[in-house]
Amino acid sequence: MDREGFDTLLEYLSSYTKDELFIAMEATGIYHLPLLSFLLELEFQCVVINQIFIKSFIGSTTLRKTKNDKKDAAFK
């Protein structure tokens, strides 16, 4: 959550056009705000999702009873 990290993300996103991207992030108190502000300033389409909705959605699609960052970040 610093300029170096944001620049790294921007480099990754540069392989797509802004029309191809719709960026969703989980609301994390105030911690998502710097990233959201950075992306909106660059005119990316973004949405912030309440973690209660995410938890409910996960519960409806899997029998897994846990939700944590390590499991959420795993690539399938």
PDB file of N, CA and C in Angstrom:
ATOM      1  N   MET A   1       0.819  -1.184   0.000  1.00  0.00           N
ATOM      2  CA  MET A   1       0.000   0.000   0.000  1.00  0.00           C
ATOM      3  C   MET A   1       0.866   1.252   0.000  1.00  0.00           C
ATOM      4  N   ASP A   2       1.822   1.265  -0.913  1.00  0.00           N
ATOM      5  CA  ASP A   2       2.650   2.454  -1.071  1.00  0.00           C
ATOM      6  C   ASP A   2       2.822   2.735  -2.560  1.00  0.00           C
ATOM      7  N   ARG A   3       3.479   3.818  -2.872  1.00  0.00           N
ATOM      8  CA  ARG A   3       3.615   4.220  -4.280  1.00  0.00           C
ATOM      9  C   ARG A   3       4.301   3.130  -5.102  1.00  0.00           C
ATOM     10  N   GLU A   4       5.311   2.483  -4.526  1.00  0.00           N
ATOM     11  CA  GLU A   4       6.009   1.421  -5.250  1.00  0.00           C
ATOM     12  C   GLU A   4       5.056   0.268  -5.575  1.00  0.00           C
ATOM     13  N   GLY A   5       4.238  -0.109  -4.615  1.00  0.00           N
ATOM     14  CA  GLY A   5       3.259  -1.175  -4.850  1.00  0.00           C
ATOM     15  C   GLY A   5       2.215  -0.775  -5.869  1.00  0.00           C
ATOM     16  N   PHE A   6       1.756   0.465  -5.796  1.00  0.00           N
ATOM     17  CA  PHE A   6       0.774   0.951  -6.768  1.00  0.00           C
ATOM     18  C   PHE A   6       1.369   0.974  -8.169  1.00  0.00           C
ATOM     19  N   ASP A   7       2.626   1.387  -8.284  1.00  0.00           N
ATOM     20  CA  ASP A   7       3.282   1.401  -9.595  1.00  0.00           C
ATOM     21  C   ASP A   7       3.447  -0.009 -10.149  1.00  0.00           C
ATOM     22  N   THR A   8       3.737  -0.967  -9.279  1.00  0.00           N
ATOM     23  CA  THR A   8       3.842  -2.367  -9.706  1.00  0.00           C
ATOM     24  C   THR A   8       2.497  -2.865 -10.213  1.00  0.00           C
ATOM     25  N   LEU A   9       1.424  -2.535  -9.497  1.00  0.00           N
ATOM     26  CA  LEU A   9       0.078  -2.911  -9.951  1.00  0.00           C
ATOM     27  C   LEU A   9      -0.235  -2.250 -11.285  1.00  0.00           C
ATOM     28  N   LEU A  10       0.084  -0.984 -11.422  1.00  0.00           N
ATOM     29  CA  LEU A  10      -0.181  -0.262 -12.663  1.00  0.00           C
ATOM     30  C   LEU A  10       0.573  -0.888 -13.835  1.00  0.00           C
ATOM     31  N   GLU A  11       1.799  -1.321 -13.592  1.00  0.00           N
ATOM     32  CA  GLU A  11       2.568  -2.005 -14.633  1.00  0.00           C
ATOM     33  C   GLU A  11       1.871  -3.292 -15.054  1.00  0.00           C
ATOM     34  N   TYR A  12       1.356  -4.050 -14.104  1.00  0.00           N
ATOM     35  CA  TYR A  12       0.637  -5.288 -14.414  1.00  0.00           C
ATOM     36  C   TYR A  12      -0.637  -4.977 -15.202  1.00  0.00           C
ATOM     37  N   LEU A  13      -1.368  -3.965 -14.770  1.00  0.00           N
ATOM     38  CA  LEU A  13      -2.628  -3.621 -15.430  1.00  0.00           C
ATOM     39  C   LEU A  13      -2.419  -3.037 -16.819  1.00  0.00           C
ATOM     40  N   SER A  14      -1.231  -2.536 -17.108  1.00  0.00           N
ATOM     41  CA  SER A  14      -0.979  -1.892 -18.398  1.00  0.00           C
ATOM     42  C   SER A  14      -1.071  -2.855 -19.576  1.00  0.00           C
ATOM     43  N   SER A  15      -1.097  -4.149 -19.310  1.00  0.00           N
ATOM     44  CA  SER A  15      -1.245  -5.110 -20.410  1.00  0.00           C
ATOM     45  C   SER A  15      -2.708  -5.224 -20.857  1.00  0.00           C
ATOM     46  N   TYR A  16      -3.598  -4.502 -20.192  1.00  0.00           N
ATOM     47  CA  TYR A  16      -5.016  -4.484 -20.541  1.00  0.00           C
ATOM     48  C   TYR A  16      -5.439  -3.044 -20.833  1.00  0.00           C
ATOM     49  N   THR A  17      -6.513  -2.886 -21.598  1.00  0.00           N
ATOM     50  CA  THR A  17      -7.081  -1.551 -21.756  1.00  0.00           C
ATOM     51  C   THR A  17      -8.030  -1.300 -20.583  1.00  0.00           C
ATOM     52  N   LYS A  18      -8.287  -0.055 -20.301  1.00  0.00           N
ATOM     53  CA  LYS A  18      -9.199   0.268 -19.196  1.00  0.00           C
ATOM     54  C   LYS A  18     -10.609  -0.252 -19.468  1.00  0.00           C
ATOM     55  N   ASP A  19     -10.959  -0.384 -20.752  1.00  0.00           N
ATOM     56  CA  ASP A  19     -12.277  -0.923 -21.099  1.00  0.00           C
ATOM     57  C   ASP A  19     -12.394  -2.405 -20.778  1.00  0.00           C
ATOM     58  N   GLU A  20     -11.271  -3.099 -20.721  1.00  0.00           N
ATOM     59  CA  GLU A  20     -11.274  -4.533 -20.420  1.00  0.00           C
ATOM     60  C   GLU A  20     -11.329  -4.820 -18.920  1.00  0.00           C
ATOM     61  N   LEU A  21     -11.106  -3.812 -18.107  1.00  0.00           N
ATOM     62  CA  LEU A  21     -10.967  -4.020 -16.670  1.00  0.00           C
ATOM     63  C   LEU A  21     -12.150  -3.463 -15.891  1.00  0.00           C
ATOM     64  N   PHE A  22     -12.548  -4.202 -14.887  1.00  0.00           N
ATOM     65  CA  PHE A  22     -13.478  -3.735 -13.876  1.00  0.00           C
ATOM     66  C   PHE A  22     -12.911  -4.261 -12.562  1.00  0.00           C
ATOM     67  N   ILE A  23     -12.384  -3.387 -11.756  1.00  0.00           N
ATOM     68  CA  ILE A  23     -11.634  -3.781 -10.574  1.00  0.00           C
ATOM     69  C   ILE A  23     -12.548  -3.774  -9.357  1.00  0.00           C
ATOM     70  N   ALA A  24     -12.604  -4.907  -8.670  1.00  0.00           N
ATOM     71  CA  ALA A  24     -13.404  -5.037  -7.452  1.00  0.00           C
ATOM     72  C   ALA A  24     -12.459  -5.264  -6.287  1.00  0.00           C
ATOM     73  N   MET A  25     -12.788  -4.637  -5.170  1.00  0.00           N
ATOM     74  CA  MET A  25     -11.983  -4.837  -3.967  1.00  0.00           C
ATOM     75  C   MET A  25     -12.901  -4.919  -2.763  1.00  0.00           C
ATOM     76  N   GLU A  26     -12.426  -5.619  -1.759  1.00  0.00           N
ATOM     77  CA  GLU A  26     -13.186  -5.765  -0.528  1.00  0.00           C
ATOM     78  C   GLU A  26     -12.981  -4.533   0.344  1.00  0.00           C
ATOM     79  N   ALA A  27     -14.059  -4.060   0.939  1.00  0.00           N
ATOM     80  CA  ALA A  27     -13.961  -2.949   1.884  1.00  0.00           C
ATOM     81  C   ALA A  27     -13.170  -3.423   3.098  1.00  0.00           C
ATOM     82  N   THR A  28     -12.170  -2.648   3.468  1.00  0.00           N
ATOM     83  CA  THR A  28     -11.309  -3.026   4.589  1.00  0.00           C
ATOM     84  C   THR A  28     -11.149  -1.838   5.526  1.00  0.00           C
ATOM     85  N   GLY A  29     -12.253  -1.408   6.099  1.00  0.00           N
ATOM     86  CA  GLY A  29     -12.199  -0.213   6.940  1.00  0.00           C
ATOM     87  C   GLY A  29     -11.759   0.970   6.093  1.00  0.00           C
ATOM     88  N   ILE A  30     -10.644   1.577   6.487  1.00  0.00           N
ATOM     89  CA  ILE A  30     -10.097   2.683   5.689  1.00  0.00           C
ATOM     90  C   ILE A  30      -8.927   2.240   4.821  1.00  0.00           C
ATOM     91  N   TYR A  31      -8.503   0.990   4.955  1.00  0.00           N
ATOM     92  CA  TYR A  31      -7.256   0.543   4.328  1.00  0.00           C
ATOM     93  C   TYR A  31      -7.341   0.410   2.815  1.00  0.00           C
ATOM     94  N   HIS A  32      -8.528   0.242   2.255  1.00  0.00           N
ATOM     95  CA  HIS A  32      -8.663   0.145   0.799  1.00  0.00           C
ATOM     96  C   HIS A  32      -8.698   1.519   0.131  1.00  0.00           C
ATOM     97  N   LEU A  33      -8.898   2.579   0.904  1.00  0.00           N
ATOM     98  CA  LEU A  33      -9.095   3.912   0.328  1.00  0.00           C
ATOM     99  C   LEU A  33      -7.911   4.452  -0.478  1.00  0.00           C
ATOM    100  N   PRO A  34      -6.650   4.271  -0.037  1.00  0.00           N
ATOM    101  CA  PRO A  34      -5.554   4.774  -0.877  1.00  0.00           C
ATOM    102  C   PRO A  34      -5.506   4.091  -2.254  1.00  0.00           C
ATOM    103  N   LEU A  35      -5.717   2.787  -2.288  1.00  0.00           N
ATOM    104  CA  LEU A  35      -5.712   2.075  -3.568  1.00  0.00           C
ATOM    105  C   LEU A  35      -6.893   2.507  -4.422  1.00  0.00           C
ATOM    106  N   LEU A  36      -8.065   2.594  -3.821  1.00  0.00           N
ATOM    107  CA  LEU A  36      -9.242   3.032  -4.561  1.00  0.00           C
ATOM    108  C   LEU A  36      -9.033   4.432  -5.134  1.00  0.00           C
ATOM    109  N   SER A  37      -8.532   5.333  -4.331  1.00  0.00           N
ATOM    110  CA  SER A  37      -8.269   6.701  -4.796  1.00  0.00           C
ATOM    111  C   SER A  37      -7.279   6.722  -5.951  1.00  0.00           C
ATOM    112  N   PHE A  38      -6.213   5.933  -5.836  1.00  0.00           N
ATOM    113  CA  PHE A  38      -5.193   5.844  -6.883  1.00  0.00           C
ATOM    114  C   PHE A  38      -5.818   5.371  -8.194  1.00  0.00           C
ATOM    115  N   LEU A  39      -6.605   4.318  -8.125  1.00  0.00           N
ATOM    116  CA  LEU A  39      -7.197   3.757  -9.344  1.00  0.00           C
ATOM    117  C   LEU A  39      -8.246   4.691  -9.953  1.00  0.00           C
ATOM    118  N   LEU A  40      -9.053   5.309  -9.114  1.00  0.00           N
ATOM    119  CA  LEU A  40     -10.071   6.234  -9.632  1.00  0.00           C
ATOM    120  C   LEU A  40      -9.433   7.474 -10.247  1.00  0.00           C
ATOM    121  N   GLU A  41      -8.351   7.923  -9.662  1.00  0.00           N
ATOM    122  CA  GLU A  41      -7.635   9.083 -10.214  1.00  0.00           C
ATOM    123  C   GLU A  41      -7.140   8.792 -11.630  1.00  0.00           C
ATOM    124  N   LEU A  42      -6.801   7.529 -11.885  1.00  0.00           N
ATOM    125  CA  LEU A  42      -6.349   7.119 -13.216  1.00  0.00           C
ATOM    126  C   LEU A  42      -7.505   6.653 -14.100  1.00  0.00           C
ATOM    127  N   GLU A  43      -8.737   6.858 -13.617  1.00  0.00           N
ATOM    128  CA  GLU A  43      -9.968   6.581 -14.366  1.00  0.00           C
ATOM    129  C   GLU A  43     -10.205   5.106 -14.645  1.00  0.00           C
ATOM    130  N   PHE A  44      -9.803   4.232 -13.722  1.00  0.00           N
ATOM    131  CA  PHE A  44     -10.171   2.821 -13.796  1.00  0.00           C
ATOM    132  C   PHE A  44     -11.580   2.668 -13.238  1.00  0.00           C
ATOM    133  N   GLN A  45     -12.312   1.698 -13.770  1.00  0.00           N
ATOM    134  CA  GLN A  45     -13.631   1.374 -13.241  1.00  0.00           C
ATOM    135  C   GLN A  45     -13.440   0.491 -12.011  1.00  0.00           C
ATOM    136  N   CYS A  46     -13.926   0.938 -10.866  1.00  0.00           N
ATOM    137  CA  CYS A  46     -13.720   0.218  -9.613  1.00  0.00           C
ATOM    138  C   CYS A  46     -15.021   0.111  -8.835  1.00  0.00           C
ATOM    139  N   VAL A  47     -15.082  -0.907  -8.012  1.00  0.00           N
ATOM    140  CA  VAL A  47     -16.194  -1.072  -7.095  1.00  0.00           C
ATOM    141  C   VAL A  47     -15.635  -1.619  -5.783  1.00  0.00           C
ATOM    142  N   VAL A  48     -16.231  -1.182  -4.685  1.00  0.00           N
ATOM    143  CA  VAL A  48     -15.864  -1.678  -3.357  1.00  0.00           C
ATOM    144  C   VAL A  48     -17.032  -2.520  -2.866  1.00  0.00           C
ATOM    145  N   ILE A  49     -16.714  -3.727  -2.424  1.00  0.00           N
ATOM    146  CA  ILE A  49     -17.752  -4.670  -1.998  1.00  0.00           C
ATOM    147  C   ILE A  49     -17.643  -4.896  -0.497  1.00  0.00           C
ATOM    148  N   ASN A  50     -18.759  -4.838   0.172  1.00  0.00           N
ATOM    149  CA  ASN A  50     -18.817  -5.087   1.601  1.00  0.00           C
ATOM    150  C   ASN A  50     -18.452  -6.550   1.878  1.00  0.00           C
ATOM    151  N   GLN A  51     -17.611  -6.782   2.881  1.00  0.00           N
ATOM    152  CA  GLN A  51     -17.143  -8.131   3.181  1.00  0.00           C
ATOM    153  C   GLN A  51     -18.276  -9.070   3.584  1.00  0.00           C
ATOM    154  N   ILE A  52     -19.379  -8.540   4.078  1.00  0.00           N
ATOM    155  CA  ILE A  52     -20.529  -9.396   4.425  1.00  0.00           C
ATOM    156  C   ILE A  52     -21.096 -10.041   3.164  1.00  0.00           C
ATOM    157  N   PHE A  53     -21.160  -9.288   2.075  1.00  0.00           N
ATOM    158  CA  PHE A  53     -21.648  -9.844   0.817  1.00  0.00           C
ATOM    159  C   PHE A  53     -20.698 -10.913   0.287  1.00  0.00           C
ATOM    160  N   ILE A  54     -19.407 -10.660   0.421  1.00  0.00           N
ATOM    161  CA  ILE A  54     -18.425 -11.630  -0.042  1.00  0.00           C
ATOM    162  C   ILE A  54     -18.541 -12.914   0.763  1.00  0.00           C
ATOM    163  N   LYS A  55     -18.645 -12.789   2.075  1.00  0.00           N
ATOM    164  CA  LYS A  55     -18.766 -13.966   2.932  1.00  0.00           C
ATOM    165  C   LYS A  55     -20.029 -14.750   2.579  1.00  0.00           C
ATOM    166  N   SER A  56     -21.133 -14.058   2.350  1.00  0.00           N
ATOM    167  CA  SER A  56     -22.384 -14.727   1.982  1.00  0.00           C
ATOM    168  C   SER A  56     -22.253 -15.434   0.640  1.00  0.00           C
ATOM    169  N   PHE A  57     -21.601 -14.771  -0.314  1.00  0.00           N
ATOM    170  CA  PHE A  57     -21.420 -15.381  -1.629  1.00  0.00           C
ATOM    171  C   PHE A  57     -20.556 -16.633  -1.534  1.00  0.00           C
ATOM    172  N   ILE A  58     -19.447 -16.546  -0.811  1.00  0.00           N
ATOM    173  CA  ILE A  58     -18.572 -17.715  -0.634  1.00  0.00           C
ATOM    174  C   ILE A  58     -19.354 -18.850   0.000  1.00  0.00           C
ATOM    175  N   GLY A  59     -20.159 -18.532   0.993  1.00  0.00           N
ATOM    176  CA  GLY A  59     -20.955 -19.560   1.664  1.00  0.00           C
ATOM    177  C   GLY A  59     -21.954 -20.224   0.748  1.00  0.00           C
ATOM    178  N   SER A  60     -22.406 -19.514  -0.271  1.00  0.00           N
ATOM    179  CA  SER A  60     -23.393 -20.086  -1.186  1.00  0.00           C
ATOM    180  C   SER A  60     -22.759 -20.907  -2.307  1.00  0.00           C
ATOM    181  N   THR A  61     -21.450 -20.810  -2.466  1.00  0.00           N
ATOM    182  CA  THR A  61     -20.803 -21.497  -3.586  1.00  0.00           C
ATOM    183  C   THR A  61     -19.864 -22.618  -3.164  1.00  0.00           C
ATOM    184  N   THR A  62     -19.663 -22.807  -1.869  1.00  0.00           N
ATOM    185  CA  THR A  62     -18.721 -23.824  -1.417  1.00  0.00           C
ATOM    186  C   THR A  62     -19.128 -24.334  -0.044  1.00  0.00           C
ATOM    187  N   LEU A  63     -18.635 -25.484   0.281  1.00  0.00           N
ATOM    188  CA  LEU A  63     -18.862 -26.026   1.618  1.00  0.00           C
ATOM    189  C   LEU A  63     -17.790 -25.572   2.593  1.00  0.00           C
ATOM    190  N   ARG A  64     -16.759 -24.910   2.058  1.00  0.00           N
ATOM    191  CA  ARG A  64     -15.661 -24.416   2.895  1.00  0.00           C
ATOM    192  C   ARG A  64     -16.215 -23.452   3.935  1.00  0.00           C
ATOM    193  N   LYS A  65     -15.875 -23.665   5.187  1.00  0.00           N
ATOM    194  CA  LYS A  65     -16.416 -22.837   6.255  1.00  0.00           C
ATOM    195  C   LYS A  65     -15.498 -21.693   6.645  1.00  0.00           C
ATOM    196  N   THR A  66     -14.362 -21.595   6.005  1.00  0.00           N
ATOM    197  CA  THR A  66     -13.433 -20.537   6.363  1.00  0.00           C
ATOM    198  C   THR A  66     -13.296 -19.550   5.218  1.00  0.00           C
ATOM    199  N   LYS A  67     -12.981 -18.345   5.563  1.00  0.00           N
ATOM    200  CA  LYS A  67     -12.673 -17.304   4.592  1.00  0.00           C
ATOM    201  C   LYS A  67     -11.478 -16.555   5.142  1.00  0.00           C
ATOM    202  N   ASN A  68     -10.368 -16.626   4.426  1.00  0.00           N
ATOM    203  CA  ASN A  68      -9.206 -15.861   4.861  1.00  0.00           C
ATOM    204  C   ASN A  68      -8.406 -15.427   3.647  1.00  0.00           C
ATOM    205  N   ASP A  69      -7.498 -14.502   3.837  1.00  0.00           N
ATOM    206  CA  ASP A  69      -6.748 -13.937   2.718  1.00  0.00           C
ATOM    207  C   ASP A  69      -5.930 -14.986   1.983  1.00  0.00           C
ATOM    208  N   LYS A  70      -5.309 -15.923   2.724  1.00  0.00           N
ATOM    209  CA  LYS A  70      -4.482 -16.934   2.079  1.00  0.00           C
ATOM    210  C   LYS A  70      -5.314 -17.808   1.140  1.00  0.00           C
ATOM    211  N   LYS A  71      -6.481 -18.226   1.581  1.00  0.00           N
ATOM    212  CA  LYS A  71      -7.340 -19.060   0.742  1.00  0.00           C
ATOM    213  C   LYS A  71      -7.956 -18.246  -0.398  1.00  0.00           C
ATOM    214  N   ASP A  72      -8.325 -16.988  -0.121  1.00  0.00           N
ATOM    215  CA  ASP A  72      -8.909 -16.145  -1.159  1.00  0.00           C
ATOM    216  C   ASP A  72      -7.927 -15.832  -2.268  1.00  0.00           C
ATOM    217  N   ALA A  73      -6.646 -15.728  -1.928  1.00  0.00           N
ATOM    218  CA  ALA A  73      -5.637 -15.341  -2.906  1.00  0.00           C
ATOM    219  C   ALA A  73      -5.116 -16.520  -3.719  1.00  0.00           C
ATOM    220  N   ALA A  74      -5.485 -17.737  -3.373  1.00  0.00           N
ATOM    221  CA  ALA A  74      -4.985 -18.923  -4.084  1.00  0.00           C
ATOM    222  C   ALA A  74      -5.527 -18.942  -5.505  1.00  0.00           C
ATOM    223  N   PHE A  75      -4.653 -19.207  -6.444  1.00  0.00           N
ATOM    224  CA  PHE A  75      -5.060 -19.331  -7.845  1.00  0.00           C
ATOM    225  C   PHE A  75      -5.511 -20.751  -8.091  1.00  0.00           C
ATOM    226  N   LYS A  76      -6.531 -20.893  -8.914  1.00  0.00           N
ATOM    227  CA  LYS A  76      -7.041 -22.234  -9.235  1.00  0.00           C
ATOM    228  C   LYS A  76      -6.810 -22.526 -10.683  1.00  0.00           C
TER     229      LYS A  76
END
